[in-house]
Amino acid sequence: MNSLDPFLIILQGLLRGAGITAVVTFSALALGLALGFALSLFRQFSPSKLLHGLIDVYVEFFRNIPALSHLFILYFGLASLGFRLSSMGAAILGLGLIGAAVTCDIFRSGFKSLSPGQTEAALATGFTPLQTIFTILTPQAMRIALPSLGNFAVQLLKDTSVVSAIAAPEIMFYARSMVTSSFQTTLIYATAAGLYLVMSLPLMQAVRMLEIRYGRVK
C-alpha cells in the first residue's frame, strides 16, 4: 500500500463535510451580518431606551453563553417543545444569532467612531435622517468595521466545528466518525486541521483585498 493511501482516504472522507462547513459558515455569516447591522442601527440611532436595553440583553446573552449551549437549546430544547429543527437549521440559526450579537458591537463601534458633526452637517444641507445614515455614515462605518468583520468571518468558519455535537455532518463530524472506526487519531485530526486552514486562507485573502481596496491597509 502506498504511504499516501491512508491520508488520501481520510482526506476524501473529510471533504464530504467541507461543503457542509462552507454552507453553514456563509449562511450563518449572512444571517449574523444582516441581523447585527439592523440591531446596531436601532441601538445607535433609536431614541427608545427600552429598545436599547433589549438589544443590550440580547448581545450579552448570546455573547456570554457558550455556543454549544445555544445549539443544544435550539436542537434538543425546541424539539422537546414540539418545534424540531434539522441539525443544519439549528447550526445556521444558532451561529447566526451569536454572530448577530458580535457584529452588532462591531458595527456600533464603527458608527461611534464617526464625528457627530457629519450628521449635523448632512441634516443642515437637506439630507433626511435615513439618507444621512445610509449614504454618509454607513459607508464610513463599514470601512472602519471591515478588519473586525473579517476576523469574525474567519472565527466563524473555525467555530463550525462545534456543530458536530448536534450531528451536523461537517468536517469534525466525519473526523470523529473515522477516529471511532480506524483509531488513526493523529492523522485524522491533523488532516482536519489542515483542511480548516486551507478553507480559511482564501477567506482571509478576500478580506485583505477588501481592506486594500477601501484603504484600510497598503
Protein backbone atom coordinates (compact mmCIF):
# COMPACT_ATOMS: atom_id res chain seq x y z
CA MET A 1 0.00 0.00 0.00
CA ASN A 2 1.28 3.45 -0.90
CA SER A 3 2.20 5.51 2.16
CA LEU A 4 -0.15 8.26 0.93
CA ASP A 5 -3.16 5.95 0.70
CA PRO A 6 -4.34 6.38 4.34
CA PHE A 7 -4.04 10.17 4.05
CA LEU A 8 -5.95 10.28 0.77
CA ILE A 9 -8.72 8.07 2.16
CA ILE A 10 -9.02 10.32 5.22
CA LEU A 11 -8.96 13.48 3.10
CA GLN A 12 -11.67 12.11 0.83
CA GLY A 13 -13.84 11.38 3.85
CA LEU A 14 -13.32 14.81 5.38
CA LEU A 15 -14.05 16.58 2.10
CA ARG A 16 -17.60 15.24 2.36
CA GLY A 17 -18.01 17.55 5.35
CA ALA A 18 -16.18 20.53 3.83
CA GLY A 19 -19.16 21.51 1.70
CA ILE A 20 -21.45 21.46 4.74
CA THR A 21 -18.90 23.52 6.68
CA ALA A 22 -18.92 26.11 3.88
CA VAL A 23 -22.73 26.22 3.72
CA VAL A 24 -23.07 26.63 7.50
CA THR A 25 -20.34 29.28 7.57
CA PHE A 26 -21.68 31.51 4.83
CA SER A 27 -25.35 31.08 5.77
CA ALA A 28 -24.64 31.94 9.42
CA LEU A 29 -22.40 34.80 8.29
CA ALA A 30 -25.17 36.27 6.12
CA LEU A 31 -27.68 35.99 8.96
CA GLY A 32 -25.25 37.42 11.51
CA LEU A 33 -24.27 40.39 9.34
CA ALA A 34 -27.84 41.30 8.37
CA LEU A 35 -29.30 41.00 11.87
CA GLY A 36 -26.24 42.51 13.55
CA PHE A 37 -26.32 45.55 11.26
CA ALA A 38 -30.04 46.06 11.93
CA LEU A 39 -29.52 45.79 15.69
CA SER A 40 -26.62 48.25 15.57
CA LEU A 41 -28.77 50.80 13.74
CA PHE A 42 -31.55 50.57 16.32
CA ARG A 43 -29.05 50.65 19.18
CA GLN A 44 -27.16 53.64 17.80
CA PHE A 45 -29.93 55.78 16.35
CA SER A 46 -33.21 54.83 18.06
CA PRO A 47 -34.26 57.18 20.88
CA SER A 48 -36.01 54.33 22.76
CA LYS A 49 -34.16 53.42 25.96
CA LEU A 50 -36.32 50.28 26.26
CA LEU A 51 -35.16 49.13 22.83
CA HIS A 52 -31.56 49.89 23.79
CA GLY A 53 -31.95 47.75 26.89
CA LEU A 54 -33.48 44.83 24.99
CA ILE A 55 -30.67 44.88 22.42
CA ASP A 56 -28.06 45.02 25.18
CA VAL A 57 -29.68 41.98 26.84
CA TYR A 58 -29.66 40.13 23.51
CA VAL A 59 -25.99 40.90 22.91
CA GLU A 60 -24.92 39.88 26.40
CA PHE A 61 -27.00 36.70 26.30
CA PHE A 62 -25.58 35.43 23.04
CA ARG A 63 -22.01 36.59 23.59
CA ASN A 64 -21.53 35.29 27.12
CA ILE A 65 -23.02 31.81 26.89
CA PRO A 66 -21.03 29.06 25.10
CA ALA A 67 -22.09 28.42 21.53
CA LEU A 68 -22.68 24.76 22.30
CA SER A 69 -25.32 25.67 24.89
CA HIS A 70 -27.23 27.72 22.31
CA LEU A 71 -27.03 24.88 19.80
CA PHE A 72 -28.34 22.35 22.33
CA ILE A 73 -31.23 24.66 23.24
CA LEU A 74 -32.20 25.11 19.58
CA TYR A 75 -31.76 21.46 18.58
CA PHE A 76 -32.80 19.49 21.67
CA GLY A 77 -34.68 22.08 23.71
CA LEU A 78 -37.05 23.19 20.98
CA ALA A 79 -37.63 19.57 19.95
CA SER A 80 -38.88 18.81 23.48
CA LEU A 81 -41.42 21.61 22.99
CA GLY A 82 -42.57 20.26 19.64
CA PHE A 83 -40.51 22.56 17.40
CA ARG A 84 -37.96 20.32 15.69
CA LEU A 85 -35.16 21.91 13.67
CA SER A 86 -32.81 19.95 11.46
CA SER A 87 -29.20 19.81 12.61
CA MET A 88 -28.26 22.11 9.74
CA GLY A 89 -31.06 24.53 10.54
CA ALA A 90 -30.12 24.66 14.22
CA ALA A 91 -26.45 25.14 13.34
CA ILE A 92 -27.10 28.03 10.96
CA LEU A 93 -29.64 29.69 13.24
CA GLY A 94 -27.53 29.28 16.38
CA LEU A 95 -24.28 30.54 14.88
CA GLY A 96 -26.16 33.29 13.05
CA LEU A 97 -27.79 34.59 16.23
CA ILE A 98 -24.46 34.53 18.04
CA GLY A 99 -22.86 36.26 15.07
CA ALA A 100 -25.50 38.98 15.17
CA ALA A 101 -24.54 39.80 18.75
CA VAL A 102 -20.86 40.01 17.78
CA THR A 103 -21.38 42.08 14.62
CA CYS A 104 -23.82 44.40 16.39
CA ASP A 105 -20.96 45.54 18.61
CA ILE A 106 -18.59 45.75 15.63
CA PHE A 107 -20.95 47.93 13.61
CA ARG A 108 -21.74 50.10 16.63
CA SER A 109 -18.05 50.73 17.18
CA GLY A 110 -17.80 51.86 13.58
CA PHE A 111 -20.71 54.28 13.93
CA LYS A 112 -19.50 55.60 17.29
CA SER A 113 -16.07 56.41 15.86
CA LEU A 114 -17.58 58.91 13.40
CA SER A 115 -17.78 62.58 14.22
CA PRO A 116 -21.27 63.81 15.25
CA GLY A 117 -20.58 66.86 13.14
CA GLN A 118 -21.12 64.83 9.98
CA THR A 119 -24.70 64.12 10.94
CA GLU A 120 -25.34 67.74 11.80
CA ALA A 121 -23.81 68.93 8.52
CA ALA A 122 -25.80 66.43 6.45
CA LEU A 123 -29.09 67.38 8.09
CA ALA A 124 -28.29 71.07 7.64
CA THR A 125 -27.76 70.59 3.90
CA GLY A 126 -31.15 68.91 3.44
CA PHE A 127 -30.46 65.20 3.90
CA THR A 128 -33.16 63.25 5.71
CA PRO A 129 -32.12 61.21 8.76
CA LEU A 130 -32.34 57.96 6.78
CA GLN A 131 -30.32 59.41 3.90
CA THR A 132 -27.70 60.57 6.37
CA ILE A 133 -27.45 57.13 7.97
CA PHE A 134 -27.30 55.08 4.78
CA THR A 135 -25.45 57.32 2.33
CA ILE A 136 -22.98 59.12 4.60
CA LEU A 137 -22.49 57.28 7.88
CA THR A 138 -22.88 53.62 6.90
CA PRO A 139 -20.16 53.51 4.18
CA GLN A 140 -17.66 55.04 6.59
CA ALA A 141 -18.67 52.78 9.46
CA MET A 142 -18.37 49.73 7.22
CA ARG A 143 -14.86 50.74 6.20
CA ILE A 144 -13.83 51.08 9.84
CA ALA A 145 -15.50 47.80 10.83
CA LEU A 146 -14.05 45.77 7.95
CA PRO A 147 -10.97 44.30 9.73
CA SER A 148 -13.05 43.17 12.71
CA LEU A 149 -15.71 41.72 10.41
CA GLY A 150 -13.01 39.80 8.57
CA ASN A 151 -11.69 38.36 11.82
CA PHE A 152 -15.23 37.40 12.78
CA ALA A 153 -15.79 35.59 9.46
CA VAL A 154 -12.61 33.51 9.89
CA GLN A 155 -13.51 32.74 13.52
CA LEU A 156 -16.99 31.67 12.43
CA LEU A 157 -15.50 29.18 9.98
CA LYS A 158 -13.49 27.63 12.81
CA ASP A 159 -16.47 27.69 15.19
CA THR A 160 -18.48 25.47 12.85
CA SER A 161 -16.52 22.59 14.38
CA VAL A 162 -18.87 22.64 17.39
CA VAL A 163 -21.96 21.87 15.32
CA SER A 164 -20.86 18.24 15.01
CA ALA A 165 -22.22 17.93 18.57
CA ILE A 166 -25.74 18.16 17.14
CA ALA A 167 -24.93 15.76 14.27
CA ALA A 168 -24.48 18.39 11.57
CA PRO A 169 -22.34 16.49 9.01
CA GLU A 170 -19.42 18.93 8.74
CA ILE A 171 -15.68 18.27 8.88
CA MET A 172 -15.38 17.36 12.57
CA PHE A 173 -18.44 15.11 12.37
CA TYR A 174 -16.68 12.94 9.78
CA ALA A 175 -13.35 13.21 11.64
CA ARG A 176 -14.87 11.80 14.82
CA SER A 177 -16.64 9.06 12.90
CA MET A 178 -13.39 7.99 11.25
CA VAL A 179 -11.45 8.09 14.53
CA THR A 180 -14.03 5.74 16.04
CA SER A 181 -13.68 3.24 13.21
CA SER A 182 -9.96 3.49 12.39
CA PHE A 183 -8.28 4.89 15.51
CA GLN A 184 -5.88 6.94 13.36
CA THR A 185 -6.42 9.87 15.68
CA THR A 186 -3.35 11.97 14.94
CA LEU A 187 -3.53 11.70 11.15
CA ILE A 188 -7.28 12.32 11.02
CA TYR A 189 -7.32 15.38 13.27
CA ALA A 190 -4.16 16.78 11.67
CA THR A 191 -5.81 16.46 8.25
CA ALA A 192 -8.95 18.13 9.56
CA ALA A 193 -6.85 21.00 10.96
CA GLY A 194 -5.11 21.40 7.62
CA LEU A 195 -8.46 21.44 5.83
CA TYR A 196 -9.74 24.23 8.07
CA LEU A 197 -6.54 26.16 7.33
CA VAL A 198 -6.93 25.69 3.58
CA MET A 199 -10.52 26.94 3.79
CA SER A 200 -9.55 29.90 5.98
CA LEU A 201 -6.76 31.22 3.77
CA PRO A 202 -8.95 32.30 0.79
CA LEU A 203 -11.36 33.96 3.23
CA MET A 204 -8.51 35.84 4.89
CA GLN A 205 -7.15 36.86 1.49
CA ALA A 206 -10.55 38.12 0.38
CA VAL A 207 -10.82 40.27 3.50
CA ARG A 208 -7.31 41.63 2.92
CA MET A 209 -8.18 42.55 -0.66
CA LEU A 210 -11.25 44.42 0.57
CA GLU A 211 -9.12 46.25 3.13
CA ILE A 212 -6.66 47.25 0.41
CA ARG A 213 -9.46 48.34 -1.89
CA TYR A 214 -11.04 50.55 0.73
CA GLY A 215 -7.77 51.92 2.04
CA ARG A 216 -7.54 50.08 5.34
CA VAL A 217 -4.09 48.68 4.58
CA LYS A 218 -1.41 49.24 1.93
